[in-house]
C-alpha atoms as a PDB file:
ATOM      1  CA  UNK A   1       0.000   0.000   0.000  1.00  0.00           C
ATOM      2  CA  UNK A   2       1.239   3.513  -0.772  1.00  0.00           C
ATOM      3  CA  UNK A   3       0.862   4.597   2.851  1.00  0.00           C
ATOM      4  CA  UNK A   4       3.035   1.842   4.284  1.00  0.00           C
ATOM      5  CA  UNK A   5       5.656   2.391   1.582  1.00  0.00           C
ATOM      6  CA  UNK A   6       5.754   6.097   2.497  1.00  0.00           C
ATOM      7  CA  UNK A   7       6.030   5.331   6.215  1.00  0.00           C
ATOM      8  CA  UNK A   8       2.752   7.125   6.959  1.00  0.00           C
ATOM      9  CA  UNK A   9       0.891   6.093  10.100  1.00  0.00           C
ATOM     10  CA  UNK A  10      -2.537   4.725   9.233  1.00  0.00           C
ATOM     11  CA  UNK A  11      -5.167   2.277  10.388  1.00  0.00           C
ATOM     12  CA  UNK A  12      -7.452   0.091   8.260  1.00  0.00           C
ATOM     13  CA  UNK A  13     -10.987  -0.399   9.537  1.00  0.00           C
ATOM     14  CA  UNK A  14     -14.253  -1.733   8.244  1.00  0.00           C
ATOM     15  CA  UNK A  15     -16.841   0.910   7.414  1.00  0.00           C
ATOM     16  CA  UNK A  16     -18.753  -0.093  10.552  1.00  0.00           C
ATOM     17  CA  UNK A  17     -15.661   0.415  12.710  1.00  0.00           C
ATOM     18  CA  UNK A  18     -14.970   3.802  11.105  1.00  0.00           C
ATOM     19  CA  UNK A  19     -18.570   4.858  11.772  1.00  0.00           C
ATOM     20  CA  UNK A  20     -18.073   3.996  15.437  1.00  0.00           C
ATOM     21  CA  UNK A  21     -14.693   5.774  15.614  1.00  0.00           C
ATOM     22  CA  UNK A  22     -15.925   9.093  14.180  1.00  0.00           C
ATOM     23  CA  UNK A  23     -18.717   9.092  11.593  1.00  0.00           C
ATOM     24  CA  UNK A  24     -18.217  12.778  10.751  1.00  0.00           C
ATOM     25  CA  UNK A  25     -14.608  12.085   9.734  1.00  0.00           C
ATOM     26  CA  UNK A  26     -15.523   9.577   6.990  1.00  0.00           C
ATOM     27  CA  UNK A  27     -14.834  10.974   3.532  1.00  0.00           C
ATOM     28  CA  UNK A  28     -15.640   9.756   0.042  1.00  0.00           C
ATOM     29  CA  UNK A  29     -13.387   9.845  -3.000  1.00  0.00           C
ATOM     30  CA  UNK A  30     -15.020  11.166  -6.162  1.00  0.00           C
ATOM     31  CA  UNK A  31     -13.544  11.328  -9.650  1.00  0.00           C
ATOM     32  CA  UNK A  32     -14.381  14.358 -11.760  1.00  0.00           C
ATOM     33  CA  UNK A  33     -13.053  16.298 -14.730  1.00  0.00           C
ATOM     34  CA  UNK A  34     -11.926  19.892 -14.610  1.00  0.00           C
ATOM     35  CA  UNK A  35     -11.541  21.363 -18.091  1.00  0.00           C
ATOM     36  CA  UNK A  36     -11.381  17.768 -19.451  1.00  0.00           C
ATOM     37  CA  UNK A  37      -8.618  16.767 -17.005  1.00  0.00           C
ATOM     38  CA  UNK A  38      -9.465  13.956 -14.523  1.00  0.00           C
ATOM     39  CA  UNK A  39      -9.040  14.784 -10.830  1.00  0.00           C
ATOM     40  CA  UNK A  40     -10.006  13.343  -7.456  1.00  0.00           C
ATOM     41  CA  UNK A  41     -12.096  15.208  -4.889  1.00  0.00           C
ATOM     42  CA  UNK A  42     -12.259  14.023  -1.278  1.00  0.00           C
ATOM     43  CA  UNK A  43     -15.294  15.296   0.645  1.00  0.00           C
ATOM     44  CA  UNK A  44     -17.278  14.241   3.709  1.00  0.00           C
ATOM     45  CA  UNK A  45     -19.360  11.128   3.204  1.00  0.00           C
ATOM     46  CA  UNK A  46     -22.521  12.954   4.264  1.00  0.00           C
ATOM     47  CA  UNK A  47     -21.662  16.049   2.193  1.00  0.00           C
ATOM     48  CA  UNK A  48     -21.977  17.043  -1.428  1.00  0.00           C
ATOM     49  CA  UNK A  49     -19.274  18.119  -3.815  1.00  0.00           C
ATOM     50  CA  UNK A  50     -19.762  21.548  -5.359  1.00  0.00           C
ATOM     51  CA  UNK A  51     -18.531  21.272  -8.943  1.00  0.00           C
ATOM     52  CA  UNK A  52     -18.208  25.075  -9.076  1.00  0.00           C
ATOM     53  CA  UNK A  53     -15.998  25.026  -5.983  1.00  0.00           C
ATOM     54  CA  UNK A  54     -13.883  22.203  -7.459  1.00  0.00           C
ATOM     55  CA  UNK A  55     -13.418  24.118 -10.711  1.00  0.00           C
ATOM     56  CA  UNK A  56     -12.455  27.227  -8.746  1.00  0.00           C
ATOM     57  CA  UNK A  57      -9.933  25.260  -6.649  1.00  0.00           C
ATOM     58  CA  UNK A  58      -8.401  23.797  -9.812  1.00  0.00           C
ATOM     59  CA  UNK A  59      -8.290  27.146 -11.608  1.00  0.00           C
ATOM     60  CA  UNK A  60     -10.601  25.726 -14.250  1.00  0.00           C
ATOM     61  CA  UNK A  61     -13.687  27.011 -16.027  1.00  0.00           C
ATOM     62  CA  UNK A  62     -15.843  23.953 -15.453  1.00  0.00           C
ATOM     63  CA  UNK A  63     -16.035  20.657 -13.641  1.00  0.00           C
ATOM     64  CA  UNK A  64     -18.200  17.587 -14.173  1.00  0.00           C
ATOM     65  CA  UNK A  65     -18.432  14.127 -12.654  1.00  0.00           C
ATOM     66  CA  UNK A  66     -16.840  11.272 -14.603  1.00  0.00           C
ATOM     67  CA  UNK A  67     -18.845   8.199 -15.554  1.00  0.00           C
ATOM     68  CA  UNK A  68     -18.288   5.340 -13.065  1.00  0.00           C
ATOM     69  CA  UNK A  69     -16.711   3.024 -15.661  1.00  0.00           C
ATOM     70  CA  UNK A  70     -14.230   5.774 -16.616  1.00  0.00           C
ATOM     71  CA  UNK A  71     -13.410   6.397 -12.938  1.00  0.00           C
ATOM     72  CA  UNK A  72     -12.734   2.676 -12.495  1.00  0.00           C
ATOM     73  CA  UNK A  73     -10.506   2.587 -15.579  1.00  0.00           C
ATOM     74  CA  UNK A  74      -8.512   5.629 -14.458  1.00  0.00           C
ATOM     75  CA  UNK A  75      -8.022   4.595 -10.831  1.00  0.00           C
ATOM     76  CA  UNK A  76      -7.955   0.796 -11.004  1.00  0.00           C
ATOM     77  CA  UNK A  77     -10.604   0.612  -8.268  1.00  0.00           C
ATOM     78  CA  UNK A  78     -14.293  -0.303  -8.413  1.00  0.00           C
ATOM     79  CA  UNK A  79     -16.911   2.347  -7.770  1.00  0.00           C
ATOM     80  CA  UNK A  80     -17.688   2.482  -4.071  1.00  0.00           C
ATOM     81  CA  UNK A  81     -14.115   1.482  -3.259  1.00  0.00           C
ATOM     82  CA  UNK A  82     -12.095   4.202  -4.996  1.00  0.00           C
ATOM     83  CA  UNK A  83      -9.211   5.294  -2.813  1.00  0.00           C
ATOM     84  CA  UNK A  84      -7.185   8.462  -3.208  1.00  0.00           C
ATOM     85  CA  UNK A  85      -4.087   6.299  -2.611  1.00  0.00           C
ATOM     86  CA  UNK A  86      -2.363   3.825  -4.917  1.00  0.00           C
ATOM     87  CA  UNK A  87      -4.295   4.668  -8.051  1.00  0.00           C
ATOM     88  CA  UNK A  88      -3.330   3.155 -11.380  1.00  0.00           C
ATOM     89  CA  UNK A  89      -2.754   6.649 -12.713  1.00  0.00           C
ATOM     90  CA  UNK A  90      -2.136   9.231  -9.978  1.00  0.00           C
ATOM     91  CA  UNK A  91      -4.637  12.063 -10.359  1.00  0.00           C
ATOM     92  CA  UNK A  92      -4.479  15.580  -8.960  1.00  0.00           C
ATOM     93  CA  UNK A  93      -6.269  15.456  -5.616  1.00  0.00           C
ATOM     94  CA  UNK A  94      -8.431  18.110  -3.941  1.00  0.00           C
ATOM     95  CA  UNK A  95      -9.327  17.738  -0.267  1.00  0.00           C
ATOM     96  CA  UNK A  96     -12.220  19.613   1.292  1.00  0.00           C
ATOM     97  CA  UNK A  97     -10.862  22.172   3.746  1.00  0.00           C
ATOM     98  CA  UNK A  98     -13.151  20.878   6.508  1.00  0.00           C
ATOM     99  CA  UNK A  99     -11.091  17.676   6.654  1.00  0.00           C
ATOM    100  CA  UNK A 100      -8.222  19.595   8.192  1.00  0.00           C
ATOM    101  CA  UNK A 101     -10.177  19.997  11.428  1.00  0.00           C
ATOM    102  CA  UNK A 102      -9.924  16.250  12.156  1.00  0.00           C
ATOM    103  CA  UNK A 103      -6.986  14.471  13.722  1.00  0.00           C
ATOM    104  CA  UNK A 104      -7.706  11.534  11.404  1.00  0.00           C
ATOM    105  CA  UNK A 105     -10.024  11.147   8.438  1.00  0.00           C
ATOM    106  CA  UNK A 106     -11.241   7.889   6.950  1.00  0.00           C
ATOM    107  CA  UNK A 107     -11.194   7.304   3.188  1.00  0.00           C
ATOM    108  CA  UNK A 108     -11.684   4.183   1.125  1.00  0.00           C
ATOM    109  CA  UNK A 109      -8.864   1.690   1.453  1.00  0.00           C
ATOM    110  CA  UNK A 110      -9.438   0.555  -2.139  1.00  0.00           C
ATOM    111  CA  UNK A 111     -12.072  -2.058  -1.425  1.00  0.00           C
ATOM    112  CA  UNK A 112     -15.763  -1.612  -0.720  1.00  0.00           C
ATOM    113  CA  UNK A 113     -16.390  -1.702   3.007  1.00  0.00           C
ATOM    114  CA  UNK A 114     -12.790  -0.968   4.074  1.00  0.00           C
ATOM    115  CA  UNK A 115     -11.603   2.432   5.229  1.00  0.00           C
ATOM    116  CA  UNK A 116      -8.133   3.716   5.971  1.00  0.00           C
ATOM    117  CA  UNK A 117      -7.681   6.296   8.696  1.00  0.00           C
ATOM    118  CA  UNK A 118      -4.943   8.838   8.118  1.00  0.00           C
ATOM    119  CA  UNK A 119      -4.042  12.318   9.321  1.00  0.00           C
ATOM    120  CA  UNK A 120      -5.306  14.814   6.726  1.00  0.00           C
ATOM    121  CA  UNK A 121      -1.901  16.537   6.665  1.00  0.00           C
ATOM    122  CA  UNK A 122      -0.303  13.192   5.745  1.00  0.00           C
ATOM    123  CA  UNK A 123      -2.811  12.755   2.896  1.00  0.00           C
ATOM    124  CA  UNK A 124      -1.965  16.249   1.627  1.00  0.00           C
ATOM    125  CA  UNK A 125       1.773  15.618   1.882  1.00  0.00           C
ATOM    126  CA  UNK A 126       1.731  12.191   0.211  1.00  0.00           C
ATOM    127  CA  UNK A 127      -0.619  13.129  -2.639  1.00  0.00           C
ATOM    128  CA  UNK A 128       0.361  16.764  -3.059  1.00  0.00           C
ATOM    129  CA  UNK A 129      -3.330  17.495  -2.540  1.00  0.00           C
ATOM    130  CA  UNK A 130      -4.813  20.964  -2.753  1.00  0.00           C
ATOM    131  CA  UNK A 131      -6.929  21.923   0.248  1.00  0.00           C
ATOM    132  CA  UNK A 132      -9.951  24.071  -0.591  1.00  0.00           C
ATOM    133  CA  UNK A 133     -13.623  24.438   0.363  1.00  0.00           C
ATOM    134  CA  UNK A 134     -15.389  21.891  -1.855  1.00  0.00           C
ATOM    135  CA  UNK A 135     -18.766  21.382  -0.202  1.00  0.00           C
ATOM    136  CA  UNK A 136     -22.071  22.366  -1.740  1.00  0.00           C
END
């Protein structure tokens, strides 16, 4: 896993365990296009991604969601299990600014039902992620 290889402290939990640990800290990984360039957006599980905010964060004119089959092809993961880590083709990553208020956030571990808990600053450092307000 990319996290272990980078020496980043993390914990792998089932979705049920993550919900018990801190349900507000669970985030989803979405694949979108900004000006026809694929990117990843990481936002709270119970939140919505603002495509306008994503475009603004990327310095683009427009953003749109990518079809699930295209997201799977780009990342190497199945929909519902797309992780921001270890993708087939590393994509520019945008993390919702609200994630920075948590000691640890939980994102997909690359398999449906498994979450990996990691410090948001570690996610930003490893992926070179841009932190910006992304919620709708």
